[in-house]
Amino acid sequence: MSKRKDMVSEERSNNSTLNMVYLIQALKNYSEKEPITLKEIARRCDFCSPYTIRNLLDALYRRTNPKNKNLDFRLIKYIKDKETGKFIEWNNDLINTGETYYYKIEFDVKKSEIKLLTDALSMFPFLNSEQTIKLIKAIEQICSIPDLSYFKKIMYEYDYKAQVDKGLRQAYSSNEFFKTIETINEAMKIGKCVRFDYCMYAANPDKTKLVFAKRSTKIFHPAFFIWSNGFYYLVGKEDGRINGDFSNLRVDRIQNVEICNNLEICNLDNINPAKYRDENPVMYGGETERVEFRVRESLLNAVVDSFGKNLQVKPTYFTDNYDNEYVIVVANSTVDGAAMWLTEYCKYATALSPLSLVEKVKRNLIEGLKLYN
């Protein structure tokens, strides 16, 4: 008899849990624009009685509003001001004199933050259309987003969002990108190195087609992942070059990764990823130095994009033939990264120091001009 009672109790508990899940989903959908009443919720939801819904709302309010809440949303309760008709958020200091309660789910992650994520996913070049839609749907469980049909149209017409068996995207099997991240992340958790093939784009033997193929096999001591220039990088050191500089490897070019259970990660420097990104413009590694260059003031946005905001600006009397104003920028950067940036912006920027930076930019320009001879 007791076993039967336990089964009935367990079934009742399961039903209560399901009802709570349905209620949260309903509140997310129906209270997105403005709070709604218990009566409106009951009218739209036929999974349980208004009495049960009221009890669920009370329980959800108590559970999501304490100071030490551990859920990623809260249920907000409102009443309407009798004079203005505006919603007033309910709190325990107020007294209800017969006013109707209105309810709304508010997630910790804001809609603008969700849009930022979904827009980045929709255009990220190393996810095919199926993977992108799957991720966006997962994010949609947190907060509503626009109709997915818009994303589908973009992705099926955009080459980088093509089907996995179309063109160059064939190199990226359905879950290779995620499998790479998961495996390397697991290796870092247990302090082990990883072995993988590092691939690059090249032309086929008769130079008529772009191919994606293995360039080298690496045994790597991973330190951290980092976003830069719209790409996802793995930062660390190659085995055998522990005393050398850090390497920045594109995650989308890593394939066939496996954990080296017999090789532990060396004691790598504790690095701030944001600082590392600023000191490695265009993700060129190397030893960081104090670099100085003169740049047209109107180009400072591009300077900050590549070198970060932790830099110094100094005045200069230099002007060009068009009377554009210039400033001197002082930053911590790798010489190779700064040289690449200054070569790209050679019409508007000039390397000043160190001498190695000046000479490297000069060589880049001289060698580049030879190709136009």
Protein backbone atom coordinates (compact mmCIF):
# COMPACT_ATOMS: atom_id res chain seq x y z
CA MET A 1 0.00 0.00 0.00
CA SER A 2 2.80 2.36 0.89
CA LYS A 3 4.51 1.68 -2.45
CA ARG A 4 1.33 2.60 -4.28
CA LYS A 5 1.07 5.85 -2.33
CA ASP A 6 4.66 6.67 -3.19
CA MET A 7 3.94 6.12 -6.90
CA VAL A 8 0.92 8.40 -6.74
CA SER A 9 2.97 11.03 -4.91
CA GLU A 10 5.79 10.79 -7.49
CA GLU A 11 3.33 11.13 -10.38
CA ARG A 12 1.78 14.20 -8.72
CA SER A 13 5.25 15.71 -8.30
CA ASN A 14 6.11 15.06 -11.95
CA ASN A 15 2.88 16.69 -13.10
CA SER A 16 3.59 19.72 -10.92
CA THR A 17 7.06 20.06 -12.41
CA LEU A 18 5.71 19.82 -15.97
CA ASN A 19 3.02 22.37 -15.21
CA MET A 20 5.68 24.76 -13.90
CA VAL A 21 7.71 24.31 -17.10
CA TYR A 22 4.63 24.99 -19.24
CA LEU A 23 3.79 28.05 -17.17
CA ILE A 24 7.30 29.53 -17.54
CA GLN A 25 7.17 28.94 -21.31
CA ALA A 26 3.72 30.52 -21.53
CA LEU A 27 4.81 33.56 -19.54
CA LYS A 28 7.85 33.95 -21.77
CA ASN A 29 5.67 33.98 -24.89
CA TYR A 30 2.62 35.88 -23.68
CA SER A 31 4.14 38.51 -21.36
CA GLU A 32 6.95 39.59 -23.67
CA LYS A 33 5.43 42.99 -24.49
CA GLU A 34 3.59 43.73 -21.26
CA PRO A 35 2.51 41.94 -18.07
CA ILE A 36 -0.61 39.78 -18.14
CA THR A 37 -3.18 38.76 -15.52
CA LEU A 38 -3.86 35.34 -14.05
CA LYS A 39 -7.17 35.32 -15.94
CA GLU A 40 -5.37 35.90 -19.26
CA ILE A 41 -2.84 33.17 -18.49
CA ALA A 42 -5.60 30.69 -17.60
CA ARG A 43 -7.51 31.56 -20.79
CA ARG A 44 -4.48 30.81 -22.97
CA CYS A 45 -3.22 27.79 -21.02
CA ASP A 46 -5.36 24.68 -20.71
CA PHE A 47 -2.76 22.46 -19.04
CA CYS A 48 -4.14 23.02 -15.53
CA SER A 49 -6.83 24.91 -13.59
CA PRO A 50 -6.71 28.62 -12.64
CA TYR A 51 -6.34 27.53 -9.00
CA THR A 52 -3.23 25.47 -9.84
CA ILE A 53 -1.82 28.31 -11.95
CA ARG A 54 -2.24 30.74 -9.03
CA ASN A 55 -0.33 28.37 -6.73
CA LEU A 56 2.41 27.91 -9.34
CA LEU A 57 2.72 31.68 -9.79
CA ASP A 58 3.05 32.19 -6.04
CA ALA A 59 5.70 29.48 -5.80
CA LEU A 60 7.60 30.85 -8.81
CA TYR A 61 7.53 34.38 -7.39
CA ARG A 62 8.94 33.22 -4.05
CA ARG A 63 11.62 31.09 -5.73
CA THR A 64 12.90 33.69 -8.19
CA ASN A 65 12.88 36.83 -6.06
CA PRO A 66 15.10 36.11 -3.02
CA LYS A 67 18.44 37.91 -2.84
CA ASN A 68 20.36 34.66 -3.28
CA LYS A 69 18.36 33.33 -6.23
CA ASN A 70 20.19 30.82 -8.43
CA LEU A 71 17.95 30.87 -11.50
CA ASP A 72 18.59 32.91 -14.64
CA PHE A 73 15.23 34.72 -14.56
CA ARG A 74 12.69 36.12 -12.15
CA LEU A 75 8.93 36.49 -12.10
CA ILE A 76 7.91 40.13 -11.63
CA LYS A 77 4.52 40.95 -10.15
CA TYR A 78 2.79 44.27 -10.85
CA ILE A 79 -0.31 46.21 -9.92
CA LYS A 80 -1.76 49.15 -11.86
CA ASP A 81 -1.82 52.66 -10.49
CA LYS A 82 -5.51 53.62 -10.27
CA GLU A 83 -4.88 57.20 -11.36
CA THR A 84 -2.28 56.85 -14.12
CA GLY A 85 -2.91 53.26 -15.24
CA LYS A 86 0.84 52.63 -15.19
CA PHE A 87 2.31 49.38 -13.93
CA ILE A 88 3.94 49.48 -10.50
CA GLU A 89 6.28 46.65 -9.56
CA TRP A 90 4.99 44.82 -6.51
CA ASN A 91 7.08 44.49 -3.37
CA ASN A 92 6.39 43.33 0.16
CA ASP A 93 6.14 46.91 1.42
CA LEU A 94 2.99 47.52 -0.66
CA ILE A 95 -0.54 46.67 0.47
CA ASN A 96 -2.99 45.14 -1.98
CA THR A 97 -6.44 46.66 -1.56
CA GLY A 98 -8.11 44.51 -4.17
CA GLU A 99 -5.91 45.36 -7.16
CA THR A 100 -5.39 42.75 -9.88
CA TYR A 101 -1.91 41.27 -10.13
CA TYR A 102 -0.08 41.28 -13.45
CA TYR A 103 2.84 38.95 -14.19
CA LYS A 104 5.90 39.04 -16.43
CA ILE A 105 9.02 36.88 -16.82
CA GLU A 106 12.29 38.84 -16.95
CA PHE A 107 15.46 36.99 -17.93
CA ASP A 108 18.90 38.01 -16.68
CA VAL A 109 20.11 38.03 -20.29
CA LYS A 110 18.63 41.03 -22.09
CA LYS A 111 17.15 40.91 -25.59
CA SER A 112 19.86 43.20 -26.91
CA GLU A 113 22.48 40.75 -25.64
CA ILE A 114 20.65 37.84 -27.28
CA LYS A 115 20.47 39.75 -30.57
CA LEU A 116 24.20 40.36 -30.40
CA LEU A 117 24.79 36.61 -30.07
CA THR A 118 22.35 35.56 -32.78
CA ASP A 119 23.67 38.12 -35.28
CA ALA A 120 27.21 36.90 -34.66
CA LEU A 121 26.13 33.28 -35.12
CA SER A 122 24.20 34.01 -38.31
CA MET A 123 27.31 35.34 -40.06
CA PHE A 124 30.03 33.23 -38.41
CA PRO A 125 31.72 31.56 -41.42
CA PHE A 126 32.62 28.23 -39.87
CA LEU A 127 29.15 27.05 -38.93
CA ASN A 128 26.92 25.57 -41.61
CA SER A 129 23.25 26.50 -41.81
CA GLU A 130 22.01 23.52 -39.77
CA GLN A 131 24.43 24.20 -36.93
CA THR A 132 23.59 27.90 -36.92
CA ILE A 133 19.83 27.32 -36.73
CA LYS A 134 20.34 24.71 -33.98
CA LEU A 135 22.32 27.19 -31.86
CA ILE A 136 19.91 30.05 -32.47
CA LYS A 137 17.02 27.82 -31.45
CA ALA A 138 18.88 26.96 -28.26
CA ILE A 139 19.33 30.66 -27.53
CA GLU A 140 15.67 31.23 -28.35
CA GLN A 141 14.81 29.14 -25.28
CA ILE A 142 16.29 32.00 -23.23
CA CYS A 143 14.71 34.92 -25.05
CA SER A 144 12.50 35.43 -28.10
CA ILE A 145 14.18 36.40 -31.36
CA PRO A 146 12.91 37.22 -34.88
CA ASP A 147 11.56 34.59 -37.24
CA LEU A 148 14.22 32.02 -38.18
CA SER A 149 13.09 32.00 -41.81
CA TYR A 150 15.03 35.24 -42.31
CA PHE A 151 18.24 33.59 -41.12
CA LYS A 152 17.59 30.53 -43.29
CA LYS A 153 17.29 32.69 -46.40
CA ILE A 154 20.58 34.47 -45.65
CA MET A 155 22.46 31.29 -44.87
CA TYR A 156 21.36 29.21 -47.83
CA GLU A 157 22.29 31.99 -50.25
CA TYR A 158 25.56 32.91 -48.55
CA ASP A 159 28.48 30.72 -49.61
CA TYR A 160 30.05 30.56 -46.15
CA LYS A 161 26.75 29.32 -44.77
CA ALA A 162 26.28 26.68 -47.43
CA GLN A 163 25.45 23.04 -46.79
CA VAL A 164 28.37 21.03 -45.42
CA ASP A 165 28.69 19.10 -48.69
CA LYS A 166 28.91 22.22 -50.85
CA GLY A 167 32.21 23.66 -52.09
CA LEU A 168 34.90 24.48 -49.56
CA ARG A 169 32.59 23.87 -46.62
CA GLN A 170 32.99 20.14 -47.23
CA ALA A 171 36.21 20.42 -45.22
CA TYR A 172 34.16 21.12 -42.12
CA SER A 173 32.23 17.99 -41.18
CA SER A 174 29.04 18.52 -39.24
CA ASN A 175 30.46 18.77 -35.72
CA GLU A 176 34.22 19.10 -36.29
CA PHE A 177 34.40 22.69 -35.06
CA PHE A 178 32.57 21.97 -31.82
CA LYS A 179 34.35 18.67 -31.28
CA THR A 180 37.69 20.52 -31.54
CA ILE A 181 36.68 23.07 -28.90
CA GLU A 182 35.27 20.42 -26.55
CA THR A 183 38.33 18.16 -26.80
CA ILE A 184 40.84 20.97 -26.24
CA ASN A 185 38.77 22.37 -23.39
CA GLU A 186 38.71 18.92 -21.74
CA ALA A 187 42.50 18.65 -22.17
CA MET A 188 43.01 22.01 -20.46
CA LYS A 189 40.80 20.93 -17.55
CA ILE A 190 42.93 17.85 -16.87
CA GLY A 191 46.22 19.61 -17.69
CA LYS A 192 47.14 17.60 -20.79
CA CYS A 193 48.57 18.58 -24.17
CA VAL A 194 46.78 17.99 -27.48
CA ARG A 195 47.90 16.67 -30.85
CA PHE A 196 46.19 17.81 -34.05
CA ASP A 197 46.55 18.48 -37.75
CA TYR A 198 46.83 22.15 -38.66
CA CYS A 199 45.31 22.83 -42.07
CA MET A 200 45.64 25.70 -44.53
CA TYR A 201 44.11 26.81 -47.82
CA ALA A 202 46.19 26.27 -50.96
CA ALA A 203 45.75 25.81 -54.69
CA ASN A 204 45.51 22.33 -56.17
CA PRO A 205 48.43 21.04 -58.32
CA ASP A 206 47.16 22.60 -61.55
CA LYS A 207 46.32 25.89 -59.74
CA THR A 208 42.67 25.84 -60.74
CA LYS A 209 40.94 25.16 -57.45
CA LEU A 210 41.14 26.18 -53.81
CA VAL A 211 41.70 23.25 -51.44
CA PHE A 212 41.86 22.88 -47.67
CA ALA A 213 44.51 20.41 -46.60
CA LYS A 214 46.83 19.41 -43.76
CA ARG A 215 49.95 21.54 -43.48
CA SER A 216 51.54 20.13 -40.31
CA THR A 217 50.93 18.02 -37.21
CA LYS A 218 51.40 19.83 -33.91
CA ILE A 219 51.71 18.81 -30.28
CA PHE A 220 50.42 21.81 -28.41
CA HIS A 221 50.30 23.19 -24.86
CA PRO A 222 46.96 25.08 -24.87
CA ALA A 223 46.57 28.19 -22.71
CA PHE A 224 43.23 29.80 -23.64
CA PHE A 225 40.78 30.54 -26.46
CA ILE A 226 40.29 34.10 -27.71
CA TRP A 227 38.16 35.99 -30.23
CA SER A 228 39.97 38.47 -32.50
CA ASN A 229 39.37 39.91 -35.97
CA GLY A 230 36.12 37.96 -36.19
CA PHE A 231 37.87 34.59 -35.72
CA TYR A 232 38.32 32.17 -32.84
CA TYR A 233 41.93 31.40 -31.86
CA LEU A 234 43.70 28.89 -29.64
CA VAL A 235 46.67 30.47 -27.85
CA GLY A 236 49.47 28.35 -26.43
CA LYS A 237 52.94 26.96 -27.16
CA GLU A 238 54.14 24.19 -29.42
CA ASP A 239 55.88 21.32 -27.71
CA GLY A 240 59.63 21.74 -28.14
CA ARG A 241 59.31 25.53 -28.20
CA ILE A 242 58.22 26.10 -24.60
CA ASN A 243 60.78 28.88 -24.12
CA GLY A 244 59.68 30.63 -27.30
CA ASP A 245 56.76 32.92 -28.04
CA PHE A 246 53.10 32.02 -27.81
CA SER A 247 51.42 30.78 -31.00
CA ASN A 248 47.99 31.92 -32.18
CA LEU A 249 46.20 29.18 -34.14
CA ARG A 250 42.83 29.53 -35.83
CA VAL A 251 40.45 26.96 -34.32
CA ASP A 252 38.66 26.48 -37.64
CA ARG A 253 41.94 25.20 -39.11
CA ILE A 254 42.49 22.55 -36.43
CA GLN A 255 41.40 19.00 -37.28
CA ASN A 256 41.72 15.48 -35.89
CA VAL A 257 42.47 16.70 -32.37
CA GLU A 258 43.25 14.20 -29.61
CA ILE A 259 44.40 14.45 -26.00
CA CYS A 260 48.00 13.45 -25.17
CA ASN A 261 47.38 11.63 -21.90
CA ASN A 262 51.10 11.05 -21.37
CA LEU A 263 52.14 14.71 -21.78
CA GLU A 264 51.22 17.39 -19.26
CA ILE A 265 50.80 21.07 -20.09
CA CYS A 266 53.89 23.06 -19.12
CA ASN A 267 53.71 25.90 -16.61
CA LEU A 268 52.49 28.70 -18.90
CA ASP A 269 52.45 32.36 -17.94
CA ASN A 270 49.23 33.65 -16.44
CA ILE A 271 47.99 35.94 -19.22
CA ASN A 272 45.02 38.27 -19.41
CA PRO A 273 43.35 37.34 -22.75
CA ALA A 274 42.05 40.88 -23.35
CA LYS A 275 45.52 42.36 -22.75
CA TYR A 276 47.05 39.67 -24.97
CA ARG A 277 44.68 40.51 -27.80
CA ASP A 278 45.54 44.22 -27.62
CA GLU A 279 49.28 43.49 -27.67
CA ASN A 280 48.98 41.13 -30.65
CA PRO A 281 47.34 43.21 -33.41
CA VAL A 282 46.13 41.11 -36.35
CA MET A 283 47.07 38.16 -34.07
CA TYR A 284 50.78 38.19 -34.94
CA GLY A 285 52.70 36.66 -32.05
CA GLY A 286 56.12 37.59 -30.73
CA GLU A 287 57.76 39.48 -27.91
CA THR A 288 55.90 42.58 -26.78
CA GLU A 289 57.70 45.92 -27.02
CA ARG A 290 56.91 49.59 -26.66
CA VAL A 291 56.09 50.77 -30.18
CA GLU A 292 55.56 54.32 -31.37
CA PHE A 293 54.04 55.53 -34.63
CA ARG A 294 52.53 58.67 -36.13
CA VAL A 295 49.03 58.32 -37.51
CA ARG A 296 46.34 60.53 -39.02
CA GLU A 297 43.97 61.51 -36.21
CA SER A 298 40.90 60.49 -38.22
CA LEU A 299 42.26 56.92 -38.19
CA LEU A 300 42.24 56.55 -34.39
CA ASN A 301 39.16 54.30 -34.54
CA ALA A 302 41.15 51.77 -36.54
CA VAL A 303 44.06 52.11 -34.10
CA VAL A 304 41.83 51.30 -31.14
CA ASP A 305 40.24 48.37 -33.02
CA SER A 306 43.65 46.74 -33.40
CA PHE A 307 45.70 47.94 -30.41
CA GLY A 308 42.95 48.44 -27.82
CA LYS A 309 42.31 51.52 -25.70
CA ASN A 310 45.18 51.03 -23.29
CA LEU A 311 47.53 53.26 -25.27
CA GLN A 312 49.00 56.75 -25.07
CA VAL A 313 48.39 59.60 -27.52
CA LYS A 314 50.83 62.50 -27.88
CA PRO A 315 50.67 65.69 -30.01
CA THR A 316 52.80 66.32 -33.09
CA TYR A 317 53.15 69.32 -35.39
CA PHE A 318 53.28 67.10 -38.47
CA THR A 319 50.67 67.66 -41.19
CA ASP A 320 50.43 66.17 -44.65
CA ASN A 321 49.84 67.91 -48.00
CA TYR A 322 46.10 67.97 -47.33
CA ASP A 323 46.45 69.61 -43.89
CA ASN A 324 45.21 66.51 -42.08
CA GLU A 325 46.10 66.49 -38.39
CA TYR A 326 48.25 63.71 -36.93
CA VAL A 327 49.01 62.33 -33.48
CA ILE A 328 51.69 60.05 -32.09
CA VAL A 329 50.52 56.74 -30.62
CA VAL A 330 52.51 54.78 -28.03
CA ALA A 331 51.40 51.20 -27.33
CA ASN A 332 52.65 47.80 -26.20
CA SER A 333 52.65 45.47 -29.17
CA THR A 334 54.52 42.75 -30.99
CA VAL A 335 56.76 44.24 -33.68
CA ASP A 336 55.46 41.87 -36.37
CA GLY A 337 51.84 42.72 -35.61
CA ALA A 338 52.49 46.46 -35.55
CA ALA A 339 54.52 46.23 -38.77
CA MET A 340 51.70 44.41 -40.56
CA TRP A 341 49.20 47.04 -39.41
CA LEU A 342 51.46 49.96 -40.39
CA THR A 343 52.12 48.40 -43.79
CA GLU A 344 48.40 48.12 -44.41
CA TYR A 345 47.84 51.74 -43.42
CA CYS A 346 51.06 53.08 -44.95
CA LYS A 347 49.27 56.07 -46.56
CA TYR A 348 48.21 57.35 -43.16
CA ALA A 349 50.72 56.05 -40.58
CA THR A 350 54.51 56.03 -40.09
CA ALA A 351 56.58 53.83 -37.78
CA LEU A 352 58.83 55.83 -35.41
CA SER A 353 60.31 53.31 -32.95
CA PRO A 354 61.83 50.91 -32.19
CA LEU A 355 64.26 50.77 -35.09
CA SER A 356 63.36 47.13 -35.75
CA LEU A 357 59.77 48.20 -36.41
CA VAL A 358 60.84 51.00 -38.77
CA GLU A 359 63.12 48.65 -40.73
CA LYS A 360 60.47 45.93 -40.96
CA VAL A 361 57.86 48.32 -42.39
CA LYS A 362 60.44 49.67 -44.87
CA ARG A 363 61.24 46.14 -46.04
CA ASN A 364 57.55 45.33 -46.42
CA LEU A 365 57.01 48.42 -48.59
CA ILE A 366 60.14 47.88 -50.71
CA GLU A 367 59.36 44.21 -51.35
CA GLY A 368 55.73 45.02 -52.07
CA LEU A 369 56.60 47.73 -54.61
CA LYS A 370 58.87 45.29 -56.48
CA LEU A 371 55.81 43.27 -57.40
CA TYR A 372 54.42 46.29 -59.26
CA ASN A 373 57.66 46.89 -61.21
